[in-house]
Amino acid sequence: MFRHLKEYLNDVRTSTLNGFKSGSVYVEDNKGYFLFYKFYEELKRNEWRMDENETKTMVVDVFKADSKQKRIGKGNAIRCMEVDMKQFEEDEPPEEILEFDKEEDIVWYIKFMDHLEQVRLTD
């Protein structure tokens, strides 16, 4: 997922609302803004097998993405994902210590990571 998101965020950039709505990434103050459904469409073109909800959960949990209302230019604010671009400066994903509030979250995360490994092995 790191590679896919990094490529998407660094591919086509825009400074206009129309470009943003068509799937380009808007970057401001080292934050990347993108429409998740456009990113997911790109993943599906690359034979991504995970469903949209699981994928969005992974982007939020692993890359600390947040859903925001963003105004680009003089247009209306549009709901999109915001992610810190700094984490995509390296070639490999950063190592991270994860903290969990509940035991169920740990079990879910382990199952989720096992699922990701299975998807990766079948690619």
PDB file of N, CA and C in Angstrom:
ATOM      1  N   MET A   1       0.824  -1.195   0.000  1.00  0.00           N
ATOM      2  CA  MET A   1       0.000   0.000   0.000  1.00  0.00           C
ATOM      3  C   MET A   1       0.868   1.259   0.000  1.00  0.00           C
ATOM      4  N   PHE A   2       1.965   1.237   0.743  1.00  0.00           N
ATOM      5  CA  PHE A   2       2.854   2.402   0.806  1.00  0.00           C
ATOM      6  C   PHE A   2       3.274   2.831  -0.598  1.00  0.00           C
ATOM      7  N   ARG A   3       3.714   1.874  -1.390  1.00  0.00           N
ATOM      8  CA  ARG A   3       4.184   2.173  -2.747  1.00  0.00           C
ATOM      9  C   ARG A   3       3.062   2.778  -3.596  1.00  0.00           C
ATOM     10  N   HIS A   4       1.868   2.182  -3.521  1.00  0.00           N
ATOM     11  CA  HIS A   4       0.736   2.679  -4.319  1.00  0.00           C
ATOM     12  C   HIS A   4       0.362   4.108  -3.931  1.00  0.00           C
ATOM     13  N   LEU A   5       0.267   4.359  -2.638  1.00  0.00           N
ATOM     14  CA  LEU A   5      -0.131   5.691  -2.182  1.00  0.00           C
ATOM     15  C   LEU A   5       0.959   6.717  -2.499  1.00  0.00           C
ATOM     16  N   LYS A   6       2.208   6.341  -2.312  1.00  0.00           N
ATOM     17  CA  LYS A   6       3.313   7.249  -2.623  1.00  0.00           C
ATOM     18  C   LYS A   6       3.302   7.623  -4.105  1.00  0.00           C
ATOM     19  N   GLU A   7       3.132   6.636  -4.976  1.00  0.00           N
ATOM     20  CA  GLU A   7       3.083   6.905  -6.415  1.00  0.00           C
ATOM     21  C   GLU A   7       1.910   7.819  -6.758  1.00  0.00           C
ATOM     22  N   TYR A   8       0.760   7.544  -6.172  1.00  0.00           N
ATOM     23  CA  TYR A   8      -0.421   8.356  -6.455  1.00  0.00           C
ATOM     24  C   TYR A   8      -0.218   9.799  -5.994  1.00  0.00           C
ATOM     25  N   LEU A   9       0.288   9.984  -4.798  1.00  0.00           N
ATOM     26  CA  LEU A   9       0.474  11.323  -4.258  1.00  0.00           C
ATOM     27  C   LEU A   9       1.522  12.124  -5.022  1.00  0.00           C
ATOM     28  N   ASN A  10       2.488  11.438  -5.613  1.00  0.00           N
ATOM     29  CA  ASN A  10       3.564  12.120  -6.320  1.00  0.00           C
ATOM     30  C   ASN A  10       3.376  12.129  -7.833  1.00  0.00           C
ATOM     31  N   ASP A  11       2.252  11.640  -8.309  1.00  0.00           N
ATOM     32  CA  ASP A  11       2.024  11.565  -9.751  1.00  0.00           C
ATOM     33  C   ASP A  11       1.564  12.924 -10.285  1.00  0.00           C
ATOM     34  N   VAL A  12       0.297  13.114 -10.474  1.00  0.00           N
ATOM     35  CA  VAL A  12      -0.223  14.346 -11.063  1.00  0.00           C
ATOM     36  C   VAL A  12      -0.701  15.285  -9.961  1.00  0.00           C
ATOM     37  N   ARG A  13      -0.113  16.465  -9.926  1.00  0.00           N
ATOM     38  CA  ARG A  13      -0.487  17.471  -8.931  1.00  0.00           C
ATOM     39  C   ARG A  13      -1.337  18.536  -9.612  1.00  0.00           C
ATOM     40  N   THR A  14      -2.125  19.230  -8.819  1.00  0.00           N
ATOM     41  CA  THR A  14      -2.971  20.282  -9.357  1.00  0.00           C
ATOM     42  C   THR A  14      -3.016  21.470  -8.407  1.00  0.00           C
ATOM     43  N   SER A  15      -3.412  22.585  -8.943  1.00  0.00           N
ATOM     44  CA  SER A  15      -3.658  23.765  -8.111  1.00  0.00           C
ATOM     45  C   SER A  15      -5.073  24.282  -8.356  1.00  0.00           C
ATOM     46  N   THR A  16      -5.861  23.513  -9.127  1.00  0.00           N
ATOM     47  CA  THR A  16      -7.225  23.935  -9.453  1.00  0.00           C
ATOM     48  C   THR A  16      -8.253  22.946  -8.921  1.00  0.00           C
ATOM     49  N   LEU A  17      -9.436  23.440  -8.671  1.00  0.00           N
ATOM     50  CA  LEU A  17     -10.524  22.584  -8.196  1.00  0.00           C
ATOM     51  C   LEU A  17     -10.904  21.552  -9.257  1.00  0.00           C
ATOM     52  N   ASN A  18     -10.967  21.956 -10.517  1.00  0.00           N
ATOM     53  CA  ASN A  18     -11.324  21.009 -11.578  1.00  0.00           C
ATOM     54  C   ASN A  18     -10.302  19.881 -11.687  1.00  0.00           C
ATOM     55  N   GLY A  19      -9.024  20.211 -11.582  1.00  0.00           N
ATOM     56  CA  GLY A  19      -7.990  19.184 -11.605  1.00  0.00           C
ATOM     57  C   GLY A  19      -8.123  18.241 -10.416  1.00  0.00           C
ATOM     58  N   PHE A  20      -8.434  18.809  -9.273  1.00  0.00           N
ATOM     59  CA  PHE A  20      -8.618  18.014  -8.061  1.00  0.00           C
ATOM     60  C   PHE A  20      -9.799  17.054  -8.215  1.00  0.00           C
ATOM     61  N   LYS A  21     -10.916  17.566  -8.729  1.00  0.00           N
ATOM     62  CA  LYS A  21     -12.107  16.730  -8.917  1.00  0.00           C
ATOM     63  C   LYS A  21     -11.866  15.609  -9.924  1.00  0.00           C
ATOM     64  N   SER A  22     -10.910  15.806 -10.824  1.00  0.00           N
ATOM     65  CA  SER A  22     -10.628  14.768 -11.819  1.00  0.00           C
ATOM     66  C   SER A  22      -9.643  13.720 -11.298  1.00  0.00           C
ATOM     67  N   GLY A  23      -9.134  13.908 -10.074  1.00  0.00           N
ATOM     68  CA  GLY A  23      -8.289  12.883  -9.469  1.00  0.00           C
ATOM     69  C   GLY A  23      -6.867  13.295  -9.184  1.00  0.00           C
ATOM     70  N   SER A  24      -6.490  14.510  -9.533  1.00  0.00           N
ATOM     71  CA  SER A  24      -5.137  14.980  -9.224  1.00  0.00           C
ATOM     72  C   SER A  24      -5.023  15.302  -7.735  1.00  0.00           C
ATOM     73  N   VAL A  25      -3.809  15.354  -7.259  1.00  0.00           N
ATOM     74  CA  VAL A  25      -3.525  15.596  -5.838  1.00  0.00           C
ATOM     75  C   VAL A  25      -3.185  17.069  -5.645  1.00  0.00           C
ATOM     76  N   TYR A  26      -3.736  17.653  -4.601  1.00  0.00           N
ATOM     77  CA  TYR A  26      -3.445  19.029  -4.232  1.00  0.00           C
ATOM     78  C   TYR A  26      -2.543  18.989  -3.008  1.00  0.00           C
ATOM     79  N   VAL A  27      -1.424  19.714  -3.051  1.00  0.00           N
ATOM     80  CA  VAL A  27      -0.486  19.730  -1.929  1.00  0.00           C
ATOM     81  C   VAL A  27      -0.345  21.162  -1.426  1.00  0.00           C
ATOM     82  N   GLU A  28      -0.443  21.294  -0.096  1.00  0.00           N
ATOM     83  CA  GLU A  28      -0.312  22.598   0.546  1.00  0.00           C
ATOM     84  C   GLU A  28       0.292  22.384   1.934  1.00  0.00           C
ATOM     85  N   ASP A  29       1.329  23.131   2.250  1.00  0.00           N
ATOM     86  CA  ASP A  29       1.978  23.042   3.566  1.00  0.00           C
ATOM     87  C   ASP A  29       2.345  21.607   3.938  1.00  0.00           C
ATOM     88  N   ASN A  30       2.921  20.867   2.973  1.00  0.00           N
ATOM     89  CA  ASN A  30       3.371  19.489   3.165  1.00  0.00           C
ATOM     90  C   ASN A  30       2.248  18.518   3.528  1.00  0.00           C
ATOM     91  N   LYS A  31       1.016  18.886   3.187  1.00  0.00           N
ATOM     92  CA  LYS A  31      -0.138  18.001   3.338  1.00  0.00           C
ATOM     93  C   LYS A  31      -0.669  17.685   1.942  1.00  0.00           C
ATOM     94  N   GLY A  32      -0.932  16.417   1.690  1.00  0.00           N
ATOM     95  CA  GLY A  32      -1.506  16.000   0.414  1.00  0.00           C
ATOM     96  C   GLY A  32      -2.995  15.792   0.573  1.00  0.00           C
ATOM     97  N   TYR A  33      -3.773  16.314  -0.345  1.00  0.00           N
ATOM     98  CA  TYR A  33      -5.230  16.179  -0.341  1.00  0.00           C
ATOM     99  C   TYR A  33      -5.642  15.415  -1.590  1.00  0.00           C
ATOM    100  N   PHE A  34      -6.485  14.409  -1.409  1.00  0.00           N
ATOM    101  CA  PHE A  34      -6.918  13.614  -2.555  1.00  0.00           C
ATOM    102  C   PHE A  34      -8.311  13.064  -2.309  1.00  0.00           C
ATOM    103  N   LEU A  35      -8.987  12.760  -3.417  1.00  0.00           N
ATOM    104  CA  LEU A  35     -10.306  12.143  -3.335  1.00  0.00           C
ATOM    105  C   LEU A  35     -10.098  10.648  -3.226  1.00  0.00           C
ATOM    106  N   PHE A  36     -10.548  10.071  -2.127  1.00  0.00           N
ATOM    107  CA  PHE A  36     -10.281   8.652  -1.893  1.00  0.00           C
ATOM    108  C   PHE A  36     -10.838   7.774  -3.005  1.00  0.00           C
ATOM    109  N   TYR A  37     -12.049   8.060  -3.475  1.00  0.00           N
ATOM    110  CA  TYR A  37     -12.649   7.188  -4.478  1.00  0.00           C
ATOM    111  C   TYR A  37     -11.839   7.199  -5.781  1.00  0.00           C
ATOM    112  N   LYS A  38     -11.175   8.311  -6.100  1.00  0.00           N
ATOM    113  CA  LYS A  38     -10.314   8.359  -7.284  1.00  0.00           C
ATOM    114  C   LYS A  38      -9.050   7.517  -7.061  1.00  0.00           C
ATOM    115  N   PHE A  39      -8.506   7.591  -5.857  1.00  0.00           N
ATOM    116  CA  PHE A  39      -7.351   6.755  -5.516  1.00  0.00           C
ATOM    117  C   PHE A  39      -7.738   5.278  -5.583  1.00  0.00           C
ATOM    118  N   TYR A  40      -8.901   4.945  -5.056  1.00  0.00           N
ATOM    119  CA  TYR A  40      -9.341   3.549  -5.071  1.00  0.00           C
ATOM    120  C   TYR A  40      -9.555   3.059  -6.507  1.00  0.00           C
ATOM    121  N   GLU A  41     -10.096   3.915  -7.368  1.00  0.00           N
ATOM    122  CA  GLU A  41     -10.250   3.542  -8.780  1.00  0.00           C
ATOM    123  C   GLU A  41      -8.892   3.200  -9.391  1.00  0.00           C
ATOM    124  N   GLU A  42      -7.876   3.968  -9.053  1.00  0.00           N
ATOM    125  CA  GLU A  42      -6.520   3.705  -9.540  1.00  0.00           C
ATOM    126  C   GLU A  42      -6.002   2.368  -9.006  1.00  0.00           C
ATOM    127  N   LEU A  43      -6.247   2.084  -7.736  1.00  0.00           N
ATOM    128  CA  LEU A  43      -5.845   0.794  -7.172  1.00  0.00           C
ATOM    129  C   LEU A  43      -6.517  -0.360  -7.912  1.00  0.00           C
ATOM    130  N   LYS A  44      -7.800  -0.214  -8.179  1.00  0.00           N
ATOM    131  CA  LYS A  44      -8.541  -1.282  -8.869  1.00  0.00           C
ATOM    132  C   LYS A  44      -7.986  -1.511 -10.276  1.00  0.00           C
ATOM    133  N   ARG A  45      -7.552  -0.451 -10.941  1.00  0.00           N
ATOM    134  CA  ARG A  45      -6.935  -0.605 -12.277  1.00  0.00           C
ATOM    135  C   ARG A  45      -5.635  -1.402 -12.179  1.00  0.00           C
ATOM    136  N   ASN A  46      -5.029  -1.392 -10.996  1.00  0.00           N
ATOM    137  CA  ASN A  46      -3.800  -2.148 -10.760  1.00  0.00           C
ATOM    138  C   ASN A  46      -4.079  -3.477 -10.065  1.00  0.00           C
ATOM    139  N   GLU A  47      -5.303  -3.978 -10.222  1.00  0.00           N
ATOM    140  CA  GLU A  47      -5.722  -5.287  -9.716  1.00  0.00           C
ATOM    141  C   GLU A  47      -5.697  -5.402  -8.194  1.00  0.00           C
ATOM    142  N   TRP A  48      -6.013  -4.322  -7.510  1.00  0.00           N
ATOM    143  CA  TRP A  48      -6.123  -4.318  -6.054  1.00  0.00           C
ATOM    144  C   TRP A  48      -7.310  -5.187  -5.672  1.00  0.00           C
ATOM    145  N   ARG A  49      -7.162  -6.064  -4.693  1.00  0.00           N
ATOM    146  CA  ARG A  49      -8.210  -7.026  -4.346  1.00  0.00           C
ATOM    147  C   ARG A  49      -8.984  -6.681  -3.077  1.00  0.00           C
ATOM    148  N   MET A  50      -8.480  -5.781  -2.284  1.00  0.00           N
ATOM    149  CA  MET A  50      -9.141  -5.441  -1.030  1.00  0.00           C
ATOM    150  C   MET A  50     -10.329  -4.519  -1.311  1.00  0.00           C
ATOM    151  N   ASP A  51     -11.412  -4.685  -0.535  1.00  0.00           N
ATOM    152  CA  ASP A  51     -12.585  -3.842  -0.797  1.00  0.00           C
ATOM    153  C   ASP A  51     -12.335  -2.399  -0.350  1.00  0.00           C
ATOM    154  N   GLU A  52     -13.220  -1.511  -0.787  1.00  0.00           N
ATOM    155  CA  GLU A  52     -13.032  -0.086  -0.582  1.00  0.00           C
ATOM    156  C   GLU A  52     -12.989   0.307   0.894  1.00  0.00           C
ATOM    157  N   ASN A  53     -13.889  -0.256   1.701  1.00  0.00           N
ATOM    158  CA  ASN A  53     -13.916   0.095   3.126  1.00  0.00           C
ATOM    159  C   ASN A  53     -12.649  -0.346   3.852  1.00  0.00           C
ATOM    160  N   GLU A  54     -12.188  -1.560   3.575  1.00  0.00           N
ATOM    161  CA  GLU A  54     -10.948  -2.045   4.199  1.00  0.00           C
ATOM    162  C   GLU A  54      -9.758  -1.185   3.772  1.00  0.00           C
ATOM    163  N   THR A  55      -9.747  -0.823   2.508  1.00  0.00           N
ATOM    164  CA  THR A  55      -8.655  -0.002   1.995  1.00  0.00           C
ATOM    165  C   THR A  55      -8.651   1.366   2.655  1.00  0.00           C
ATOM    166  N   LYS A  56      -9.823   1.966   2.779  1.00  0.00           N
ATOM    167  CA  LYS A  56      -9.908   3.288   3.412  1.00  0.00           C
ATOM    168  C   LYS A  56      -9.484   3.208   4.876  1.00  0.00           C
ATOM    169  N   THR A  57      -9.895   2.151   5.561  1.00  0.00           N
ATOM    170  CA  THR A  57      -9.496   1.954   6.951  1.00  0.00           C
ATOM    171  C   THR A  57      -7.979   1.851   7.062  1.00  0.00           C
ATOM    172  N   MET A  58      -7.370   1.144   6.126  1.00  0.00           N
ATOM    173  CA  MET A  58      -5.921   0.999   6.158  1.00  0.00           C
ATOM    174  C   MET A  58      -5.236   2.347   5.927  1.00  0.00           C
ATOM    175  N   VAL A  59      -5.719   3.139   4.981  1.00  0.00           N
ATOM    176  CA  VAL A  59      -5.123   4.448   4.710  1.00  0.00           C
ATOM    177  C   VAL A  59      -5.221   5.333   5.953  1.00  0.00           C
ATOM    178  N   VAL A  60      -6.356   5.285   6.624  1.00  0.00           N
ATOM    179  CA  VAL A  60      -6.560   6.096   7.827  1.00  0.00           C
ATOM    180  C   VAL A  60      -5.677   5.597   8.970  1.00  0.00           C
ATOM    181  N   ASP A  61      -5.671   4.292   9.209  1.00  0.00           N
ATOM    182  CA  ASP A  61      -4.935   3.730  10.347  1.00  0.00           C
ATOM    183  C   ASP A  61      -3.422   3.730  10.150  1.00  0.00           C
ATOM    184  N   VAL A  62      -2.979   3.309   8.995  1.00  0.00           N
ATOM    185  CA  VAL A  62      -1.546   3.144   8.770  1.00  0.00           C
ATOM    186  C   VAL A  62      -0.867   4.470   8.429  1.00  0.00           C
ATOM    187  N   PHE A  63      -1.534   5.282   7.606  1.00  0.00           N
ATOM    188  CA  PHE A  63      -0.900   6.524   7.138  1.00  0.00           C
ATOM    189  C   PHE A  63      -1.453   7.765   7.832  1.00  0.00           C
ATOM    190  N   LYS A  64      -2.271   7.543   8.853  1.00  0.00           N
ATOM    191  CA  LYS A  64      -2.829   8.645   9.650  1.00  0.00           C
ATOM    192  C   LYS A  64      -3.549   9.685   8.787  1.00  0.00           C
ATOM    193  N   ALA A  65      -4.210   9.208   7.743  1.00  0.00           N
ATOM    194  CA  ALA A  65      -4.993  10.105   6.890  1.00  0.00           C
ATOM    195  C   ALA A  65      -6.243  10.530   7.643  1.00  0.00           C
ATOM    196  N   ASP A  66      -6.776  11.674   7.269  1.00  0.00           N
ATOM    197  CA  ASP A  66      -7.943  12.212   7.943  1.00  0.00           C
ATOM    198  C   ASP A  66      -8.908  12.746   6.888  1.00  0.00           C
ATOM    199  N   SER A  67     -10.179  12.599   7.145  1.00  0.00           N
ATOM    200  CA  SER A  67     -11.194  13.139   6.245  1.00  0.00           C
ATOM    201  C   SER A  67     -11.381  14.617   6.572  1.00  0.00           C
ATOM    202  N   LYS A  68     -11.291  15.456   5.548  1.00  0.00           N
ATOM    203  CA  LYS A  68     -11.353  16.909   5.743  1.00  0.00           C
ATOM    204  C   LYS A  68     -12.272  17.552   4.712  1.00  0.00           C
ATOM    205  N   GLN A  69     -12.715  18.754   5.033  1.00  0.00           N
ATOM    206  CA  GLN A  69     -13.345  19.632   4.053  1.00  0.00           C
ATOM    207  C   GLN A  69     -12.244  20.581   3.601  1.00  0.00           C
ATOM    208  N   LYS A  70     -11.939  20.611   2.313  1.00  0.00           N
ATOM    209  CA  LYS A  70     -10.845  21.447   1.812  1.00  0.00           C
ATOM    210  C   LYS A  70     -11.359  22.378   0.720  1.00  0.00           C
ATOM    211  N   ARG A  71     -11.015  23.635   0.840  1.00  0.00           N
ATOM    212  CA  ARG A  71     -11.352  24.627  -0.182  1.00  0.00           C
ATOM    213  C   ARG A  71     -10.115  24.829  -1.047  1.00  0.00           C
ATOM    214  N   ILE A  72     -10.290  24.658  -2.347  1.00  0.00           N
ATOM    215  CA  ILE A  72      -9.205  24.857  -3.299  1.00  0.00           C
ATOM    216  C   ILE A  72      -9.599  26.029  -4.188  1.00  0.00           C
ATOM    217  N   GLY A  73      -8.798  27.056  -4.156  1.00  0.00           N
ATOM    218  CA  GLY A  73      -9.139  28.264  -4.904  1.00  0.00           C
ATOM    219  C   GLY A  73     -10.368  28.925  -4.301  1.00  0.00           C
ATOM    220  N   LYS A  74     -11.233  29.421  -5.185  1.00  0.00           N
ATOM    221  CA  LYS A  74     -12.432  30.114  -4.723  1.00  0.00           C
ATOM    222  C   LYS A  74     -13.666  29.225  -4.757  1.00  0.00           C
ATOM    223  N   GLY A  75     -13.490  27.934  -5.029  1.00  0.00           N
ATOM    224  CA  GLY A  75     -14.611  27.010  -5.089  1.00  0.00           C
ATOM    225  C   GLY A  75     -15.120  26.636  -3.712  1.00  0.00           C
ATOM    226  N   ASN A  76     -16.178  25.865  -3.712  1.00  0.00           N
ATOM    227  CA  ASN A  76     -16.733  25.357  -2.456  1.00  0.00           C
ATOM    228  C   ASN A  76     -15.790  24.326  -1.849  1.00  0.00           C
ATOM    229  N   ALA A  77     -15.903  24.160  -0.544  1.00  0.00           N
ATOM    230  CA  ALA A  77     -15.113  23.125   0.143  1.00  0.00           C
ATOM    231  C   ALA A  77     -15.589  21.757  -0.332  1.00  0.00           C
ATOM    232  N   ILE A  78     -14.660  20.843  -0.441  1.00  0.00           N
ATOM    233  CA  ILE A  78     -14.965  19.493  -0.912  1.00  0.00           C
ATOM    234  C   ILE A  78     -14.380  18.486   0.079  1.00  0.00           C
ATOM    235  N   ARG A  79     -15.126  17.420   0.359  1.00  0.00           N
ATOM    236  CA  ARG A  79     -14.657  16.394   1.297  1.00  0.00           C
ATOM    237  C   ARG A  79     -13.574  15.569   0.623  1.00  0.00           C
ATOM    238  N   CYS A  80     -12.456  15.392   1.316  1.00  0.00           N
ATOM    239  CA  CYS A  80     -11.326  14.661   0.771  1.00  0.00           C
ATOM    240  C   CYS A  80     -10.500  14.068   1.912  1.00  0.00           C
ATOM    241  N   MET A  81      -9.440  13.377   1.546  1.00  0.00           N
ATOM    242  CA  MET A  81      -8.508  12.824   2.521  1.00  0.00           C
ATOM    243  C   MET A  81      -7.288  13.727   2.597  1.00  0.00           C
ATOM    244  N   GLU A  82      -6.780  13.906   3.825  1.00  0.00           N
ATOM    245  CA  GLU A  82      -5.563  14.676   4.052  1.00  0.00           C
ATOM    246  C   GLU A  82      -4.519  13.736   4.641  1.00  0.00           C
ATOM    247  N   VAL A  83      -3.308  13.806   4.107  1.00  0.00           N
ATOM    248  CA  VAL A  83      -2.230  12.960   4.613  1.00  0.00           C
ATOM    249  C   VAL A  83      -0.941  13.781   4.638  1.00  0.00           C
ATOM    250  N   ASP A  84      -0.117  13.513   5.638  1.00  0.00           N
ATOM    251  CA  ASP A  84       1.177  14.196   5.770  1.00  0.00           C
ATOM    252  C   ASP A  84       2.128  13.636   4.709  1.00  0.00           C
ATOM    253  N   MET A  85       2.638  14.491   3.852  1.00  0.00           N
ATOM    254  CA  MET A  85       3.504  14.058   2.755  1.00  0.00           C
ATOM    255  C   MET A  85       4.893  13.643   3.228  1.00  0.00           C
ATOM    256  N   LYS A  86       5.298  14.087   4.408  1.00  0.00           N
ATOM    257  CA  LYS A  86       6.647  13.807   4.918  1.00  0.00           C
ATOM    258  C   LYS A  86       6.922  12.297   4.998  1.00  0.00           C
ATOM    259  N   GLN A  87       5.906  11.517   5.343  1.00  0.00           N
ATOM    260  CA  GLN A  87       6.106  10.074   5.484  1.00  0.00           C
ATOM    261  C   GLN A  87       6.386   9.372   4.156  1.00  0.00           C
ATOM    262  N   PHE A  88       6.196  10.074   3.037  1.00  0.00           N
ATOM    263  CA  PHE A  88       6.427   9.466   1.725  1.00  0.00           C
ATOM    264  C   PHE A  88       7.720   9.950   1.078  1.00  0.00           C
ATOM    265  N   GLU A  89       8.586  10.592   1.847  1.00  0.00           N
ATOM    266  CA  GLU A  89       9.864  11.064   1.329  1.00  0.00           C
ATOM    267  C   GLU A  89      10.873   9.935   1.187  1.00  0.00           C
ATOM    268  N   GLU A  90      10.753   8.900   2.011  1.00  0.00           N
ATOM    269  CA  GLU A  90      11.681   7.765   1.967  1.00  0.00           C
ATOM    270  C   GLU A  90      11.187   6.712   0.975  1.00  0.00           C
ATOM    271  N   ASP A  91      12.091   5.796   0.597  1.00  0.00           N
ATOM    272  CA  ASP A  91      11.730   4.717  -0.316  1.00  0.00           C
ATOM    273  C   ASP A  91      10.915   3.624   0.361  1.00  0.00           C
ATOM    274  N   GLU A  92      11.126   3.452   1.649  1.00  0.00           N
ATOM    275  CA  GLU A  92      10.444   2.407   2.409  1.00  0.00           C
ATOM    276  C   GLU A  92       9.530   3.044   3.454  1.00  0.00           C
ATOM    277  N   PRO A  93       8.452   2.359   3.822  1.00  0.00           N
ATOM    278  CA  PRO A  93       7.581   2.915   4.863  1.00  0.00           C
ATOM    279  C   PRO A  93       8.312   3.012   6.197  1.00  0.00           C
ATOM    280  N   PRO A  94       7.993   4.032   6.985  1.00  0.00           N
ATOM    281  CA  PRO A  94       8.653   4.168   8.286  1.00  0.00           C
ATOM    282  C   PRO A  94       8.208   3.081   9.252  1.00  0.00           C
ATOM    283  N   GLU A  95       9.135   2.664  10.110  1.00  0.00           N
ATOM    284  CA  GLU A  95       8.792   1.729  11.181  1.00  0.00           C
ATOM    285  C   GLU A  95       7.971   2.495  12.206  1.00  0.00           C
ATOM    286  N   GLU A  96       7.022   1.820  12.805  1.00  0.00           N
ATOM    287  CA  GLU A  96       6.151   2.527  13.731  1.00  0.00           C
ATOM    288  C   GLU A  96       5.757   1.617  14.888  1.00  0.00           C
ATOM    289  N   ILE A  97       5.673   2.185  16.047  1.00  0.00           N
ATOM    290  CA  ILE A  97       5.159   1.472  17.212  1.00  0.00           C
ATOM    291  C   ILE A  97       3.674   1.795  17.304  1.00  0.00           C
ATOM    292  N   LEU A  98       2.864   0.766  17.278  1.00  0.00           N
ATOM    293  CA  LEU A  98       1.419   0.958  17.314  1.00  0.00           C
ATOM    294  C   LEU A  98       0.909   0.807  18.738  1.00  0.00           C
ATOM    295  N   GLU A  99      -0.033   1.661  19.094  1.00  0.00           N
ATOM    296  CA  GLU A  99      -0.669   1.574  20.402  1.00  0.00           C
ATOM    297  C   GLU A  99      -2.146   1.259  20.199  1.00  0.00           C
ATOM    298  N   PHE A 100      -2.671   0.371  21.038  1.00  0.00           N
ATOM    299  CA  PHE A 100      -4.070  -0.032  20.939  1.00  0.00           C
ATOM    300  C   PHE A 100      -4.766   0.200  22.271  1.00  0.00           C
ATOM    301  N   ASP A 101      -6.017   0.631  22.181  1.00  0.00           N
ATOM    302  CA  ASP A 101      -6.800   0.860  23.391  1.00  0.00           C
ATOM    303  C   ASP A 101      -7.435  -0.417  23.916  1.00  0.00           C
ATOM    304  N   LYS A 102      -7.854  -1.284  22.989  1.00  0.00           N
ATOM    305  CA  LYS A 102      -8.568  -2.500  23.390  1.00  0.00           C
ATOM    306  C   LYS A 102      -7.932  -3.726  22.756  1.00  0.00           C
ATOM    307  N   GLU A 103      -8.091  -4.846  23.416  1.00  0.00           N
ATOM    308  CA  GLU A 103      -7.553  -6.094  22.905  1.00  0.00           C
ATOM    309  C   GLU A 103      -8.167  -6.452  21.557  1.00  0.00           C
ATOM    310  N   GLU A 104      -9.450  -6.141  21.352  1.00  0.00           N
ATOM    311  CA  GLU A 104     -10.116  -6.452  20.073  1.00  0.00           C
ATOM    312  C   GLU A 104      -9.425  -5.734  18.912  1.00  0.00           C
ATOM    313  N   ASP A 105      -8.895  -4.538  19.186  1.00  0.00           N
ATOM    314  CA  ASP A 105      -8.209  -3.789  18.141  1.00  0.00           C
ATOM    315  C   ASP A 105      -6.921  -4.492  17.720  1.00  0.00           C
ATOM    316  N   ILE A 106      -6.243  -5.104  18.677  1.00  0.00           N
ATOM    317  CA  ILE A 106      -5.016  -5.843  18.375  1.00  0.00           C
ATOM    318  C   ILE A 106      -5.355  -7.045  17.507  1.00  0.00           C
ATOM    319  N   VAL A 107      -6.406  -7.780  17.883  1.00  0.00           N
ATOM    320  CA  VAL A 107      -6.817  -8.959  17.123  1.00  0.00           C
ATOM    321  C   VAL A 107      -7.206  -8.546  15.704  1.00  0.00           C
ATOM    322  N   TRP A 108      -7.978  -7.454  15.575  1.00  0.00           N
ATOM    323  CA  TRP A 108      -8.379  -6.971  14.252  1.00  0.00           C
ATOM    324  C   TRP A 108      -7.161  -6.615  13.413  1.00  0.00           C
ATOM    325  N   TYR A 109      -6.204  -5.919  14.014  1.00  0.00           N
ATOM    326  CA  TYR A 109      -5.019  -5.490  13.283  1.00  0.00           C
ATOM    327  C   TYR A 109      -4.208  -6.692  12.803  1.00  0.00           C
ATOM    328  N   ILE A 110      -4.054  -7.691  13.627  1.00  0.00           N
ATOM    329  CA  ILE A 110      -3.302  -8.891  13.242  1.00  0.00           C
ATOM    330  C   ILE A 110      -3.993  -9.587  12.074  1.00  0.00           C
ATOM    331  N   LYS A 111      -5.310  -9.729  12.170  1.00  0.00           N
ATOM    332  CA  LYS A 111      -6.050 -10.356  11.066  1.00  0.00           C
ATOM    333  C   LYS A 111      -5.933  -9.520   9.796  1.00  0.00           C
ATOM    334  N   PHE A 112      -6.015  -8.224   9.943  1.00  0.00           N
ATOM    335  CA  PHE A 112      -5.910  -7.313   8.817  1.00  0.00           C
ATOM    336  C   PHE A 112      -4.544  -7.443   8.144  1.00  0.00           C
ATOM    337  N   MET A 113      -3.477  -7.469   8.920  1.00  0.00           N
ATOM    338  CA  MET A 113      -2.135  -7.591   8.371  1.00  0.00           C
ATOM    339  C   MET A 113      -1.930  -8.955   7.717  1.00  0.00           C
ATOM    340  N   ASP A 114      -2.506 -10.005   8.288  1.00  0.00           N
ATOM    341  CA  ASP A 114      -2.451 -11.327   7.660  1.00  0.00           C
ATOM    342  C   ASP A 114      -3.130 -11.289   6.300  1.00  0.00           C
ATOM    343  N   HIS A 115      -4.276 -10.614   6.243  1.00  0.00           N
ATOM    344  CA  HIS A 115      -5.006 -10.477   4.978  1.00  0.00           C
ATOM    345  C   HIS A 115      -4.150  -9.732   3.950  1.00  0.00           C
ATOM    346  N   LEU A 116      -3.501  -8.661   4.373  1.00  0.00           N
ATOM    347  CA  LEU A 116      -2.644  -7.901   3.463  1.00  0.00           C
ATOM    348  C   LEU A 116      -1.513  -8.766   2.933  1.00  0.00           C
ATOM    349  N   GLU A 117      -0.938  -9.579   3.794  1.00  0.00           N
ATOM    350  CA  GLU A 117       0.154 -10.464   3.379  1.00  0.00           C
ATOM    351  C   GLU A 117      -0.337 -11.461   2.337  1.00  0.00           C
ATOM    352  N   GLN A 118      -1.526 -12.003   2.532  1.00  0.00           N
ATOM    353  CA  GLN A 118      -2.098 -12.936   1.574  1.00  0.00           C
ATOM    354  C   GLN A 118      -2.334 -12.266   0.220  1.00  0.00           C
ATOM    355  N   VAL A 119      -2.843 -11.042   0.245  1.00  0.00           N
ATOM    356  CA  VAL A 119      -3.067 -10.293  -0.993  1.00  0.00           C
ATOM    357  C   VAL A 119      -1.729 -10.058  -1.686  1.00  0.00           C
ATOM    358  N   ARG A 120      -0.716  -9.680  -0.912  1.00  0.00           N
ATOM    359  CA  ARG A 120       0.601  -9.421  -1.495  1.00  0.00           C
ATOM    360  C   ARG A 120       1.188 -10.682  -2.124  1.00  0.00           C
ATOM    361  N   LEU A 121       1.014 -11.820  -1.479  1.00  0.00           N
ATOM    362  CA  LEU A 121       1.572 -13.078  -1.990  1.00  0.00           C
ATOM    363  C   LEU A 121       0.884 -13.528  -3.270  1.00  0.00           C
ATOM    364  N   THR A 122      -0.370 -13.145  -3.457  1.00  0.00           N
ATOM    365  CA  THR A 122      -1.089 -13.555  -4.670  1.00  0.00           C
ATOM    366  C   THR A 122      -0.874 -12.579  -5.815  1.00  0.00           C
ATOM    367  N   ASP A 123      -0.258 -11.445  -5.548  1.00  0.00           N
ATOM    368  CA  ASP A 123       0.019 -10.468  -6.635  1.00  0.00           C
ATOM    369  C   ASP A 123       1.178 -10.890  -7.482  1.00  0.00           C
TER     370      ASP A 123
END
